[in-house]
Amino acid sequence: MRVLIYSRAFLPHIGGLELNVAHLAEELMKRGWEVRVATVTPADGPDELPYAVIRNPAPRALLKAVRWCDVYHQPNLSLRGLWPLLLVRRPWVVSHHSWYTRTDGTISWKDRIKRLLVRFADGSIAVSQAIADDLRTPCTVVPNSYREDLFVPLQGIPRDRDLIFVGRLVSDKGVDILLEALRLLARNGLRPTLSIVGEGPEEPRLRELVSSLELEGQVAFLGLKRDKALVEAYHRHRIAVVPSRYNEPFGIVALEAIACGCAVVGSAGGGLSEAFGPCGVGFPNGDAKALAARLEQLLLDPAHVARLLENAPGHLAAHSSPAVFGRYARILDGAVIRRST
């Protein structure tokens, strides 16, 4: 089976979608599929990948690649990458990893076109039930995977800190809400430690907020950490906090934290609650008071944290790469079979 994956975002840029596409390509190759990836993301050097990557393809090159494949897959529907199907009939499968809306939640004319076109796909995959409900068109819900080869239990690292945030330091991620929750906890005599892992344009403002809220002794900015350094950082903490202000489509960061032994406190809107599942507790997006209450509950009751983490093996098993991408393979294969009959 030959599959062409058209993903506007791809390696070497690092993000949830980019890593998901790379893992899908690898898993399909393990199953004997031939894989090519087309993307507009430029390379920062030679592509040392086990499959061909077509970067910023000219129209003729993209059309040739579509002719080559047995099935055409788009992680997030791209109008720019859809035109070859007007000339070449191939099964088309699209997976939805984010909302088809503007950042303020309104639906633009492009979003409306995408929502209409997805009804004609030979296969439609949503990474969360929240995404599927928003699309209002039949979808198969297949959650995201995490890197189970990297995010694993480690021995010999003392869990000597309380809270950890991992993510881009931008307003949507809600770190200021978390800092406000720490201020509220301090009123009740609780002063948990917090490590902030990540970089972004909000960092100067967040540092000023830490100072104005008199949290300097509790909060540490650790900068960007990846791979083993990130795994080790998780292992030093008891609770991962994902306080996103907006509705996350999913939330791979929650899976990574759980795999490293952290319970999760996260925003309840969107698909994030599906990501942490029975291994965490939710609170209404943007509600610092509710976040403080959830944190207080877990900080004062370590047995509750332990009970949440008892659910981790089963929850993580459903998000392993073989489990997730095995379902992708069946959907892609099914699209080819249905088109040929």
C-alpha atoms as a PDB file:
ATOM      1  CA  MET A   1       0.000   0.000   0.000  1.00  0.00           C
ATOM      2  CA  ARG A   2       1.305   3.440  -0.942  1.00  0.00           C
ATOM      3  CA  VAL A   3       0.215   6.471   1.069  1.00  0.00           C
ATOM      4  CA  LEU A   4       0.924  10.132   0.468  1.00  0.00           C
ATOM      5  CA  ILE A   5       0.603  12.271   3.597  1.00  0.00           C
ATOM      6  CA  TYR A   6       0.102  15.967   2.892  1.00  0.00           C
ATOM      7  CA  SER A   7       0.854  17.942   6.053  1.00  0.00           C
ATOM      8  CA  ARG A   8       1.540  21.661   5.819  1.00  0.00           C
ATOM      9  CA  ALA A   9       3.348  21.460   9.194  1.00  0.00           C
ATOM     10  CA  PHE A  10       6.101  18.869   9.548  1.00  0.00           C
ATOM     11  CA  LEU A  11       9.585  18.226  10.899  1.00  0.00           C
ATOM     12  CA  PRO A  12      11.995  19.820  11.658  1.00  0.00           C
ATOM     13  CA  HIS A  13       9.417  22.078  13.292  1.00  0.00           C
ATOM     14  CA  ILE A  14       8.396  20.462  16.577  1.00  0.00           C
ATOM     15  CA  GLY A  15       4.756  20.402  17.590  1.00  0.00           C
ATOM     16  CA  GLY A  16       1.958  17.978  18.306  1.00  0.00           C
ATOM     17  CA  LEU A  17       0.842  17.690  14.688  1.00  0.00           C
ATOM     18  CA  GLU A  18       4.373  17.420  13.307  1.00  0.00           C
ATOM     19  CA  LEU A  19       5.302  14.611  15.686  1.00  0.00           C
ATOM     20  CA  ASN A  20       2.011  12.833  15.074  1.00  0.00           C
ATOM     21  CA  VAL A  21       2.641  12.811  11.309  1.00  0.00           C
ATOM     22  CA  ALA A  22       6.188  11.510  11.771  1.00  0.00           C
ATOM     23  CA  HIS A  23       5.005   8.719  14.063  1.00  0.00           C
ATOM     24  CA  LEU A  24       2.230   7.772  11.650  1.00  0.00           C
ATOM     25  CA  ALA A  25       4.714   7.522   8.788  1.00  0.00           C
ATOM     26  CA  GLU A  26       7.040   5.344  10.873  1.00  0.00           C
ATOM     27  CA  GLU A  27       4.265   3.024  12.049  1.00  0.00           C
ATOM     28  CA  LEU A  28       2.884   2.569   8.540  1.00  0.00           C
ATOM     29  CA  MET A  29       6.355   1.691   7.285  1.00  0.00           C
ATOM     30  CA  LYS A  30       6.643  -0.942  10.029  1.00  0.00           C
ATOM     31  CA  ARG A  31       3.499  -2.477   8.546  1.00  0.00           C
ATOM     32  CA  GLY A  32       5.104  -2.645   5.095  1.00  0.00           C
ATOM     33  CA  TRP A  33       3.508   0.468   3.599  1.00  0.00           C
ATOM     34  CA  GLU A  34       5.340   2.783   1.224  1.00  0.00           C
ATOM     35  CA  VAL A  35       5.160   6.328   2.586  1.00  0.00           C
ATOM     36  CA  ARG A  36       5.848   9.780   1.205  1.00  0.00           C
ATOM     37  CA  VAL A  37       5.235  13.076   2.992  1.00  0.00           C
ATOM     38  CA  ALA A  38       4.519  16.367   1.218  1.00  0.00           C
ATOM     39  CA  THR A  39       4.867  19.600   3.205  1.00  0.00           C
ATOM     40  CA  VAL A  40       5.482  23.327   2.868  1.00  0.00           C
ATOM     41  CA  THR A  41       7.759  23.295   5.942  1.00  0.00           C
ATOM     42  CA  PRO A  42      11.361  23.974   4.865  1.00  0.00           C
ATOM     43  CA  ALA A  43      14.215  21.718   5.947  1.00  0.00           C
ATOM     44  CA  ASP A  44      17.121  22.893   8.080  1.00  0.00           C
ATOM     45  CA  GLY A  45      19.442  20.305   6.537  1.00  0.00           C
ATOM     46  CA  PRO A  46      19.319  16.961   4.745  1.00  0.00           C
ATOM     47  CA  ASP A  47      16.258  14.843   5.526  1.00  0.00           C
ATOM     48  CA  GLU A  48      17.534  11.799   7.383  1.00  0.00           C
ATOM     49  CA  LEU A  49      14.202   9.998   7.438  1.00  0.00           C
ATOM     50  CA  PRO A  50      13.346   6.493   6.218  1.00  0.00           C
ATOM     51  CA  TYR A  51      10.765   7.860   3.779  1.00  0.00           C
ATOM     52  CA  ALA A  52      10.753  10.519   1.077  1.00  0.00           C
ATOM     53  CA  VAL A  53       9.801  14.074   2.041  1.00  0.00           C
ATOM     54  CA  ILE A  54       8.659  16.413  -0.736  1.00  0.00           C
ATOM     55  CA  ARG A  55       9.125  19.953   0.521  1.00  0.00           C
ATOM     56  CA  ASN A  56       7.213  22.886  -0.913  1.00  0.00           C
ATOM     57  CA  PRO A  57       6.190  20.835  -3.962  1.00  0.00           C
ATOM     58  CA  ALA A  58       5.493  22.575  -7.219  1.00  0.00           C
ATOM     59  CA  PRO A  59       2.053  21.759  -8.680  1.00  0.00           C
ATOM     60  CA  ARG A  60       3.479  19.202 -11.097  1.00  0.00           C
ATOM     61  CA  ALA A  61       5.423  17.449  -8.307  1.00  0.00           C
ATOM     62  CA  LEU A  62       2.379  17.277  -6.036  1.00  0.00           C
ATOM     63  CA  LEU A  63       0.206  15.952  -8.844  1.00  0.00           C
ATOM     64  CA  LYS A  64       2.811  13.283  -9.607  1.00  0.00           C
ATOM     65  CA  ALA A  65       2.910  12.250  -5.955  1.00  0.00           C
ATOM     66  CA  VAL A  66      -0.878  11.941  -5.801  1.00  0.00           C
ATOM     67  CA  ARG A  67      -0.821   9.769  -8.925  1.00  0.00           C
ATOM     68  CA  TRP A  68       1.791   7.562  -7.218  1.00  0.00           C
ATOM     69  CA  CYS A  69      -0.225   6.870  -4.085  1.00  0.00           C
ATOM     70  CA  ASP A  70      -3.065   4.436  -3.379  1.00  0.00           C
ATOM     71  CA  VAL A  71      -4.547   6.669  -0.689  1.00  0.00           C
ATOM     72  CA  TYR A  72      -4.137  10.382   0.073  1.00  0.00           C
ATOM     73  CA  HIS A  73      -4.113  11.446   3.704  1.00  0.00           C
ATOM     74  CA  GLN A  74      -4.338  14.985   5.073  1.00  0.00           C
ATOM     75  CA  PRO A  75      -3.688  15.632   8.776  1.00  0.00           C
ATOM     76  CA  ASN A  76      -5.927  18.711   9.024  1.00  0.00           C
ATOM     77  CA  LEU A  77      -7.765  19.597   5.865  1.00  0.00           C
ATOM     78  CA  SER A  78      -5.718  21.858   3.597  1.00  0.00           C
ATOM     79  CA  LEU A  79      -7.447  23.524   0.671  1.00  0.00           C
ATOM     80  CA  ARG A  80      -4.054  24.206  -0.886  1.00  0.00           C
ATOM     81  CA  GLY A  81      -3.290  20.489  -0.965  1.00  0.00           C
ATOM     82  CA  LEU A  82      -6.692  19.310  -2.126  1.00  0.00           C
ATOM     83  CA  TRP A  83      -6.753  20.427  -5.766  1.00  0.00           C
ATOM     84  CA  PRO A  84      -4.966  17.338  -7.240  1.00  0.00           C
ATOM     85  CA  LEU A  85      -8.022  15.240  -6.376  1.00  0.00           C
ATOM     86  CA  LEU A  86      -9.916  17.213  -9.018  1.00  0.00           C
ATOM     87  CA  LEU A  87      -7.620  15.621 -11.618  1.00  0.00           C
ATOM     88  CA  VAL A  88      -6.706  12.266 -10.052  1.00  0.00           C
ATOM     89  CA  ARG A  89      -9.236  10.015  -8.343  1.00  0.00           C
ATOM     90  CA  ARG A  90      -7.733   8.679  -5.134  1.00  0.00           C
ATOM     91  CA  PRO A  91      -9.290   7.770  -1.789  1.00  0.00           C
ATOM     92  CA  TRP A  92      -9.025  10.762   0.532  1.00  0.00           C
ATOM     93  CA  VAL A  93      -8.761  10.430   4.304  1.00  0.00           C
ATOM     94  CA  VAL A  94      -8.505  13.481   6.545  1.00  0.00           C
ATOM     95  CA  SER A  95      -7.732  13.606  10.271  1.00  0.00           C
ATOM     96  CA  HIS A  96      -8.758  16.609  12.354  1.00  0.00           C
ATOM     97  CA  HIS A  97      -6.227  17.765  14.943  1.00  0.00           C
ATOM     98  CA  SER A  98      -7.515  21.264  15.590  1.00  0.00           C
ATOM     99  CA  TRP A  99     -10.642  23.375  15.277  1.00  0.00           C
ATOM    100  CA  TYR A 100     -11.788  24.702  11.919  1.00  0.00           C
ATOM    101  CA  THR A 101     -12.374  28.157  13.376  1.00  0.00           C
ATOM    102  CA  ARG A 102     -10.520  31.417  13.848  1.00  0.00           C
ATOM    103  CA  THR A 103      -8.646  32.002  17.089  1.00  0.00           C
ATOM    104  CA  ASP A 104     -11.640  33.879  18.524  1.00  0.00           C
ATOM    105  CA  GLY A 105     -13.947  30.945  17.805  1.00  0.00           C
ATOM    106  CA  THR A 106     -15.736  32.465  14.822  1.00  0.00           C
ATOM    107  CA  ILE A 107     -16.028  30.481  11.600  1.00  0.00           C
ATOM    108  CA  SER A 108     -14.501  32.089   8.500  1.00  0.00           C
ATOM    109  CA  TRP A 109     -15.523  31.345   4.934  1.00  0.00           C
ATOM    110  CA  LYS A 110     -12.513  29.038   4.563  1.00  0.00           C
ATOM    111  CA  ASP A 111     -13.564  27.144   7.671  1.00  0.00           C
ATOM    112  CA  ARG A 112     -17.072  26.762   6.274  1.00  0.00           C
ATOM    113  CA  ILE A 113     -15.684  25.340   3.035  1.00  0.00           C
ATOM    114  CA  LYS A 114     -13.556  22.853   4.987  1.00  0.00           C
ATOM    115  CA  ARG A 115     -16.517  21.782   7.113  1.00  0.00           C
ATOM    116  CA  LEU A 116     -18.513  21.205   3.944  1.00  0.00           C
ATOM    117  CA  LEU A 117     -15.781  19.344   2.039  1.00  0.00           C
ATOM    118  CA  VAL A 118     -14.981  16.946   4.870  1.00  0.00           C
ATOM    119  CA  ARG A 119     -18.390  15.365   4.334  1.00  0.00           C
ATOM    120  CA  PHE A 120     -17.075  13.970   1.042  1.00  0.00           C
ATOM    121  CA  ALA A 121     -13.943  12.345   2.519  1.00  0.00           C
ATOM    122  CA  ASP A 122     -13.546   8.591   2.238  1.00  0.00           C
ATOM    123  CA  GLY A 123     -12.446   8.572   5.861  1.00  0.00           C
ATOM    124  CA  SER A 124     -12.704  11.185   8.609  1.00  0.00           C
ATOM    125  CA  ILE A 125     -10.760  10.940  11.879  1.00  0.00           C
ATOM    126  CA  ALA A 126     -11.131  13.247  14.890  1.00  0.00           C
ATOM    127  CA  VAL A 127      -8.497  13.283  17.649  1.00  0.00           C
ATOM    128  CA  SER A 128     -11.176  13.828  20.298  1.00  0.00           C
ATOM    129  CA  GLN A 129     -14.910  13.552  20.703  1.00  0.00           C
ATOM    130  CA  ALA A 130     -14.943  17.308  21.235  1.00  0.00           C
ATOM    131  CA  ILE A 131     -13.540  17.844  17.722  1.00  0.00           C
ATOM    132  CA  ALA A 132     -16.003  15.341  16.253  1.00  0.00           C
ATOM    133  CA  ASP A 133     -18.945  17.061  17.955  1.00  0.00           C
ATOM    134  CA  ASP A 134     -17.822  20.438  16.651  1.00  0.00           C
ATOM    135  CA  LEU A 135     -17.605  19.203  13.054  1.00  0.00           C
ATOM    136  CA  ARG A 136     -21.118  17.756  13.142  1.00  0.00           C
ATOM    137  CA  THR A 137     -20.267  15.210  10.503  1.00  0.00           C
ATOM    138  CA  PRO A 138     -19.592  11.470  10.912  1.00  0.00           C
ATOM    139  CA  CYS A 139     -16.072  10.903  12.268  1.00  0.00           C
ATOM    140  CA  THR A 140     -14.146   8.076  13.813  1.00  0.00           C
ATOM    141  CA  VAL A 141     -12.535   9.254  17.050  1.00  0.00           C
ATOM    142  CA  VAL A 142      -8.906   8.114  17.231  1.00  0.00           C
ATOM    143  CA  PRO A 143      -6.970   9.895  19.990  1.00  0.00           C
ATOM    144  CA  ASN A 144      -3.408  11.066  19.650  1.00  0.00           C
ATOM    145  CA  SER A 145      -0.517   8.884  20.715  1.00  0.00           C
ATOM    146  CA  TYR A 146       2.508   9.793  22.797  1.00  0.00           C
ATOM    147  CA  ARG A 147       6.151   8.723  22.540  1.00  0.00           C
ATOM    148  CA  GLU A 148       5.991   5.661  24.766  1.00  0.00           C
ATOM    149  CA  ASP A 149       9.610   4.864  23.966  1.00  0.00           C
ATOM    150  CA  LEU A 150      10.729   8.149  25.533  1.00  0.00           C
ATOM    151  CA  PHE A 151       8.213   8.943  28.256  1.00  0.00           C
ATOM    152  CA  VAL A 152       8.785   5.993  30.569  1.00  0.00           C
ATOM    153  CA  PRO A 153       9.247   5.512  34.340  1.00  0.00           C
ATOM    154  CA  LEU A 154      12.748   6.310  35.557  1.00  0.00           C
ATOM    155  CA  GLN A 155      14.369   5.185  38.772  1.00  0.00           C
ATOM    156  CA  GLY A 156      16.498   7.192  41.167  1.00  0.00           C
ATOM    157  CA  ILE A 157      14.968  10.637  40.613  1.00  0.00           C
ATOM    158  CA  PRO A 158      13.480  12.107  43.797  1.00  0.00           C
ATOM    159  CA  ARG A 159       9.974  13.545  43.359  1.00  0.00           C
ATOM    160  CA  ASP A 160      10.835  16.584  45.443  1.00  0.00           C
ATOM    161  CA  ARG A 161       8.762  19.283  43.737  1.00  0.00           C
ATOM    162  CA  ASP A 162       5.018  19.779  43.538  1.00  0.00           C
ATOM    163  CA  LEU A 163       3.700  21.294  40.297  1.00  0.00           C
ATOM    164  CA  ILE A 164       4.990  21.471  36.728  1.00  0.00           C
ATOM    165  CA  PHE A 165       3.736  23.334  33.666  1.00  0.00           C
ATOM    166  CA  VAL A 166       5.091  22.391  30.220  1.00  0.00           C
ATOM    167  CA  GLY A 167       4.244  24.382  27.119  1.00  0.00           C
ATOM    168  CA  ARG A 168       4.614  27.553  25.098  1.00  0.00           C
ATOM    169  CA  LEU A 169       4.530  30.695  27.175  1.00  0.00           C
ATOM    170  CA  VAL A 170       1.657  32.350  25.351  1.00  0.00           C
ATOM    171  CA  SER A 171      -1.558  33.765  26.733  1.00  0.00           C
ATOM    172  CA  ASP A 172      -3.734  30.870  25.521  1.00  0.00           C
ATOM    173  CA  LYS A 173      -1.811  28.424  27.721  1.00  0.00           C
ATOM    174  CA  GLY A 174      -3.021  30.156  30.891  1.00  0.00           C
ATOM    175  CA  VAL A 175       0.117  30.247  33.021  1.00  0.00           C
ATOM    176  CA  ASP A 176      -1.130  33.507  34.544  1.00  0.00           C
ATOM    177  CA  ILE A 177      -4.238  31.646  35.714  1.00  0.00           C
ATOM    178  CA  LEU A 178      -1.996  29.107  37.422  1.00  0.00           C
ATOM    179  CA  LEU A 179       0.000  31.863  39.137  1.00  0.00           C
ATOM    180  CA  GLU A 180      -3.215  33.456  40.373  1.00  0.00           C
ATOM    181  CA  ALA A 181      -4.239  30.044  41.756  1.00  0.00           C
ATOM    182  CA  LEU A 182      -0.937  29.915  43.672  1.00  0.00           C
ATOM    183  CA  ARG A 183      -1.774  33.292  45.197  1.00  0.00           C
ATOM    184  CA  LEU A 184      -5.139  31.949  46.341  1.00  0.00           C
ATOM    185  CA  LEU A 185      -3.514  28.842  47.802  1.00  0.00           C
ATOM    186  CA  ALA A 186      -1.100  31.005  49.776  1.00  0.00           C
ATOM    187  CA  ARG A 187      -4.090  32.598  51.537  1.00  0.00           C
ATOM    188  CA  ASN A 188      -4.868  29.109  52.871  1.00  0.00           C
ATOM    189  CA  GLY A 189      -1.290  28.539  53.980  1.00  0.00           C
ATOM    190  CA  LEU A 190      -0.330  26.336  51.004  1.00  0.00           C
ATOM    191  CA  ARG A 191       2.809  27.276  49.084  1.00  0.00           C
ATOM    192  CA  PRO A 192       3.538  24.503  46.557  1.00  0.00           C
ATOM    193  CA  THR A 193       6.560  24.748  44.306  1.00  0.00           C
ATOM    194  CA  LEU A 194       5.982  25.278  40.583  1.00  0.00           C
ATOM    195  CA  SER A 195       8.369  24.662  37.687  1.00  0.00           C
ATOM    196  CA  ILE A 196       7.571  26.411  34.402  1.00  0.00           C
ATOM    197  CA  VAL A 197       9.093  24.573  31.434  1.00  0.00           C
ATOM    198  CA  GLY A 198       8.974  26.350  28.100  1.00  0.00           C
ATOM    199  CA  GLU A 199       9.682  29.573  26.254  1.00  0.00           C
ATOM    200  CA  GLY A 200       7.558  32.216  24.599  1.00  0.00           C
ATOM    201  CA  PRO A 201       6.657  35.885  24.313  1.00  0.00           C
ATOM    202  CA  GLU A 202       4.738  35.909  27.608  1.00  0.00           C
ATOM    203  CA  GLU A 203       7.796  35.059  29.716  1.00  0.00           C
ATOM    204  CA  PRO A 204       8.722  38.652  30.718  1.00  0.00           C
ATOM    205  CA  ARG A 205       5.156  39.386  31.789  1.00  0.00           C
ATOM    206  CA  LEU A 206       4.920  36.134  33.721  1.00  0.00           C
ATOM    207  CA  ARG A 207       8.166  36.870  35.551  1.00  0.00           C
ATOM    208  CA  GLU A 208       6.757  40.271  36.526  1.00  0.00           C
ATOM    209  CA  LEU A 209       3.562  38.587  37.711  1.00  0.00           C
ATOM    210  CA  VAL A 210       5.532  36.152  39.859  1.00  0.00           C
ATOM    211  CA  SER A 211       7.211  39.131  41.500  1.00  0.00           C
ATOM    212  CA  SER A 212       4.031  41.158  41.994  1.00  0.00           C
ATOM    213  CA  LEU A 213       2.252  38.155  43.537  1.00  0.00           C
ATOM    214  CA  GLU A 214       5.249  37.508  45.820  1.00  0.00           C
ATOM    215  CA  LEU A 215       5.769  33.987  44.480  1.00  0.00           C
ATOM    216  CA  GLU A 216       9.527  34.177  43.838  1.00  0.00           C
ATOM    217  CA  GLY A 217      10.385  31.477  46.351  1.00  0.00           C
ATOM    218  CA  GLN A 218       7.900  29.054  44.835  1.00  0.00           C
ATOM    219  CA  VAL A 219       8.247  29.463  41.067  1.00  0.00           C
ATOM    220  CA  ALA A 220      11.206  28.452  38.894  1.00  0.00           C
ATOM    221  CA  PHE A 221      11.498  29.161  35.154  1.00  0.00           C
ATOM    222  CA  LEU A 222      13.428  26.234  33.688  1.00  0.00           C
ATOM    223  CA  GLY A 223      13.398  27.234  30.015  1.00  0.00           C
ATOM    224  CA  LEU A 224      12.885  24.830  27.149  1.00  0.00           C
ATOM    225  CA  LYS A 225      13.472  21.134  27.827  1.00  0.00           C
ATOM    226  CA  ARG A 226      13.150  18.292  25.368  1.00  0.00           C
ATOM    227  CA  ASP A 227      13.492  14.533  25.222  1.00  0.00           C
ATOM    228  CA  LYS A 228      15.313  12.980  28.202  1.00  0.00           C
ATOM    229  CA  ALA A 229      15.710  16.321  30.007  1.00  0.00           C
ATOM    230  CA  LEU A 230      11.936  16.805  29.858  1.00  0.00           C
ATOM    231  CA  VAL A 231      11.295  13.267  31.059  1.00  0.00           C
ATOM    232  CA  GLU A 232      13.601  13.847  34.019  1.00  0.00           C
ATOM    233  CA  ALA A 233      11.849  17.129  34.817  1.00  0.00           C
ATOM    234  CA  TYR A 234       8.474  15.414  34.961  1.00  0.00           C
ATOM    235  CA  HIS A 235       9.871  12.785  37.320  1.00  0.00           C
ATOM    236  CA  ARG A 236      10.777  15.445  39.875  1.00  0.00           C
ATOM    237  CA  HIS A 237       7.141  16.551  40.197  1.00  0.00           C
ATOM    238  CA  ARG A 238       3.895  15.149  41.553  1.00  0.00           C
ATOM    239  CA  ILE A 239       1.270  17.057  39.569  1.00  0.00           C
ATOM    240  CA  ALA A 240       1.274  18.446  36.028  1.00  0.00           C
ATOM    241  CA  VAL A 241      -0.965  21.454  35.448  1.00  0.00           C
ATOM    242  CA  VAL A 242      -2.405  22.240  32.015  1.00  0.00           C
ATOM    243  CA  PRO A 243      -4.374  25.472  32.615  1.00  0.00           C
ATOM    244  CA  SER A 244      -5.209  26.350  29.009  1.00  0.00           C
ATOM    245  CA  ARG A 245      -7.451  29.349  28.619  1.00  0.00           C
ATOM    246  CA  TYR A 246      -8.858  28.062  25.327  1.00  0.00           C
ATOM    247  CA  ASN A 247     -10.350  24.685  24.432  1.00  0.00           C
ATOM    248  CA  GLU A 248      -7.490  22.357  23.542  1.00  0.00           C
ATOM    249  CA  PRO A 249      -8.320  19.943  20.695  1.00  0.00           C
ATOM    250  CA  PHE A 250      -6.534  17.185  22.666  1.00  0.00           C
ATOM    251  CA  GLY A 251      -3.394  17.495  24.811  1.00  0.00           C
ATOM    252  CA  ILE A 252      -0.442  15.145  24.304  1.00  0.00           C
ATOM    253  CA  VAL A 253       1.374  16.911  27.155  1.00  0.00           C
ATOM    254  CA  ALA A 254      -1.092  15.281  29.553  1.00  0.00           C
ATOM    255  CA  LEU A 255      -0.215  11.795  28.292  1.00  0.00           C
ATOM    256  CA  GLU A 256       3.506  12.495  28.602  1.00  0.00           C
ATOM    257  CA  ALA A 257       3.083  13.704  32.170  1.00  0.00           C
ATOM    258  CA  ILE A 258       0.999  10.681  33.165  1.00  0.00           C
ATOM    259  CA  ALA A 259       3.578   8.319  31.648  1.00  0.00           C
ATOM    260  CA  CYS A 260       6.179   9.934  33.915  1.00  0.00           C
ATOM    261  CA  GLY A 261       4.111   9.470  37.064  1.00  0.00           C
ATOM    262  CA  CYS A 262       2.335  12.837  37.345  1.00  0.00           C
ATOM    263  CA  ALA A 263      -1.364  13.227  37.977  1.00  0.00           C
ATOM    264  CA  VAL A 264      -2.908  15.998  35.872  1.00  0.00           C
ATOM    265  CA  VAL A 265      -5.020  19.018  36.703  1.00  0.00           C
ATOM    266  CA  GLY A 266      -6.293  20.482  33.445  1.00  0.00           C
ATOM    267  CA  SER A 267      -8.882  22.688  31.798  1.00  0.00           C
ATOM    268  CA  ALA A 268     -12.106  20.797  31.220  1.00  0.00           C
ATOM    269  CA  GLY A 269     -13.068  22.403  27.894  1.00  0.00           C
ATOM    270  CA  GLY A 270     -12.378  20.841  24.519  1.00  0.00           C
ATOM    271  CA  GLY A 271     -10.537  17.535  24.241  1.00  0.00           C
ATOM    272  CA  LEU A 272      -8.022  18.001  27.066  1.00  0.00           C
ATOM    273  CA  SER A 273     -10.187  16.130  29.557  1.00  0.00           C
ATOM    274  CA  GLU A 274     -10.189  13.174  27.142  1.00  0.00           C
ATOM    275  CA  ALA A 275      -6.391  13.275  27.130  1.00  0.00           C
ATOM    276  CA  PHE A 276      -5.941  13.050  30.890  1.00  0.00           C
ATOM    277  CA  GLY A 277      -9.060  10.888  31.352  1.00  0.00           C
ATOM    278  CA  PRO A 278      -9.207   9.012  34.670  1.00  0.00           C
ATOM    279  CA  CYS A 279      -5.663  10.114  35.578  1.00  0.00           C
ATOM    280  CA  GLY A 280      -6.544  13.705  36.348  1.00  0.00           C
ATOM    281  CA  VAL A 281      -9.156  16.221  37.414  1.00  0.00           C
ATOM    282  CA  GLY A 282     -10.595  19.124  35.473  1.00  0.00           C
ATOM    283  CA  PHE A 283     -11.651  22.685  36.197  1.00  0.00           C
ATOM    284  CA  PRO A 284     -13.554  25.293  34.138  1.00  0.00           C
ATOM    285  CA  ASN A 285     -11.296  27.090  31.667  1.00  0.00           C
ATOM    286  CA  GLY A 286      -9.965  30.363  33.023  1.00  0.00           C
ATOM    287  CA  ASP A 287     -11.279  29.839  36.586  1.00  0.00           C
ATOM    288  CA  ALA A 288      -8.319  30.414  38.934  1.00  0.00           C
ATOM    289  CA  LYS A 289     -10.440  29.853  42.024  1.00  0.00           C
ATOM    290  CA  ALA A 290     -11.595  26.439  40.801  1.00  0.00           C
ATOM    291  CA  LEU A 291      -8.029  25.555  39.807  1.00  0.00           C
ATOM    292  CA  ALA A 292      -6.814  26.458  43.294  1.00  0.00           C
ATOM    293  CA  ALA A 293      -9.489  24.224  44.798  1.00  0.00           C
ATOM    294  CA  ARG A 294      -8.466  21.232  42.649  1.00  0.00           C
ATOM    295  CA  LEU A 295      -4.808  21.748  43.471  1.00  0.00           C
ATOM    296  CA  GLU A 296      -5.518  22.040  47.174  1.00  0.00           C
ATOM    297  CA  GLN A 297      -7.489  18.806  47.041  1.00  0.00           C
ATOM    298  CA  LEU A 298      -4.584  16.878  45.523  1.00  0.00           C
ATOM    299  CA  LEU A 299      -1.792  18.569  47.461  1.00  0.00           C
ATOM    300  CA  LEU A 300      -3.443  17.691  50.779  1.00  0.00           C
ATOM    301  CA  ASP A 301      -4.400  14.164  49.752  1.00  0.00           C
ATOM    302  CA  PRO A 302      -1.481  12.217  48.227  1.00  0.00           C
ATOM    303  CA  ALA A 303      -3.635   9.073  48.327  1.00  0.00           C
ATOM    304  CA  HIS A 304      -5.977  10.730  45.824  1.00  0.00           C
ATOM    305  CA  VAL A 305      -3.042  11.297  43.481  1.00  0.00           C
ATOM    306  CA  ALA A 306      -2.084   7.649  43.863  1.00  0.00           C
ATOM    307  CA  ARG A 307      -5.628   6.535  43.040  1.00  0.00           C
ATOM    308  CA  LEU A 308      -5.639   8.617  39.874  1.00  0.00           C
ATOM    309  CA  LEU A 309      -2.354   7.112  38.746  1.00  0.00           C
ATOM    310  CA  GLU A 310      -3.641   3.578  39.283  1.00  0.00           C
ATOM    311  CA  ASN A 311      -5.594   4.199  36.078  1.00  0.00           C
ATOM    312  CA  ALA A 312      -2.478   5.096  34.093  1.00  0.00           C
ATOM    313  CA  PRO A 313      -1.545   1.713  32.556  1.00  0.00           C
ATOM    314  CA  GLY A 314      -4.926   1.150  30.935  1.00  0.00           C
ATOM    315  CA  HIS A 315      -5.301   4.763  29.856  1.00  0.00           C
ATOM    316  CA  LEU A 316      -1.841   4.932  28.295  1.00  0.00           C
ATOM    317  CA  ALA A 317      -2.258   1.598  26.510  1.00  0.00           C
ATOM    318  CA  ALA A 318      -5.076   3.080  24.435  1.00  0.00           C
ATOM    319  CA  HIS A 319      -2.722   5.884  23.353  1.00  0.00           C
ATOM    320  CA  SER A 320       0.332   3.844  22.386  1.00  0.00           C
ATOM    321  CA  SER A 321       1.645   4.276  18.861  1.00  0.00           C
ATOM    322  CA  PRO A 322       0.775   0.708  17.759  1.00  0.00           C
ATOM    323  CA  ALA A 323      -2.778   1.040  19.093  1.00  0.00           C
ATOM    324  CA  VAL A 324      -3.439   4.482  17.600  1.00  0.00           C
ATOM    325  CA  PHE A 325      -1.756   4.050  14.243  1.00  0.00           C
ATOM    326  CA  GLY A 326      -3.065   0.529  13.838  1.00  0.00           C
ATOM    327  CA  ARG A 327      -6.495   2.166  13.758  1.00  0.00           C
ATOM    328  CA  TYR A 328      -5.232   4.722  11.219  1.00  0.00           C
ATOM    329  CA  ALA A 329      -3.951   1.900   9.015  1.00  0.00           C
ATOM    330  CA  ARG A 330      -7.309   0.137   9.103  1.00  0.00           C
ATOM    331  CA  ILE A 331      -9.149   3.345   8.184  1.00  0.00           C
ATOM    332  CA  LEU A 332      -6.766   4.115   5.315  1.00  0.00           C
ATOM    333  CA  ASP A 333      -6.958   0.537   4.052  1.00  0.00           C
ATOM    334  CA  GLY A 334     -10.740   0.553   4.339  1.00  0.00           C
ATOM    335  CA  ALA A 335     -10.955   3.732   2.256  1.00  0.00           C
ATOM    336  CA  VAL A 336      -9.012   2.033  -0.562  1.00  0.00           C
ATOM    337  CA  ILE A 337     -11.180  -1.062  -0.421  1.00  0.00           C
ATOM    338  CA  ARG A 338     -14.448   0.899  -0.481  1.00  0.00           C
ATOM    339  CA  ARG A 339     -13.290   3.032  -3.410  1.00  0.00           C
ATOM    340  CA  SER A 340     -12.290  -0.059  -5.424  1.00  0.00           C
ATOM    341  CA  THR A 341     -15.610  -1.874  -4.979  1.00  0.00           C
END
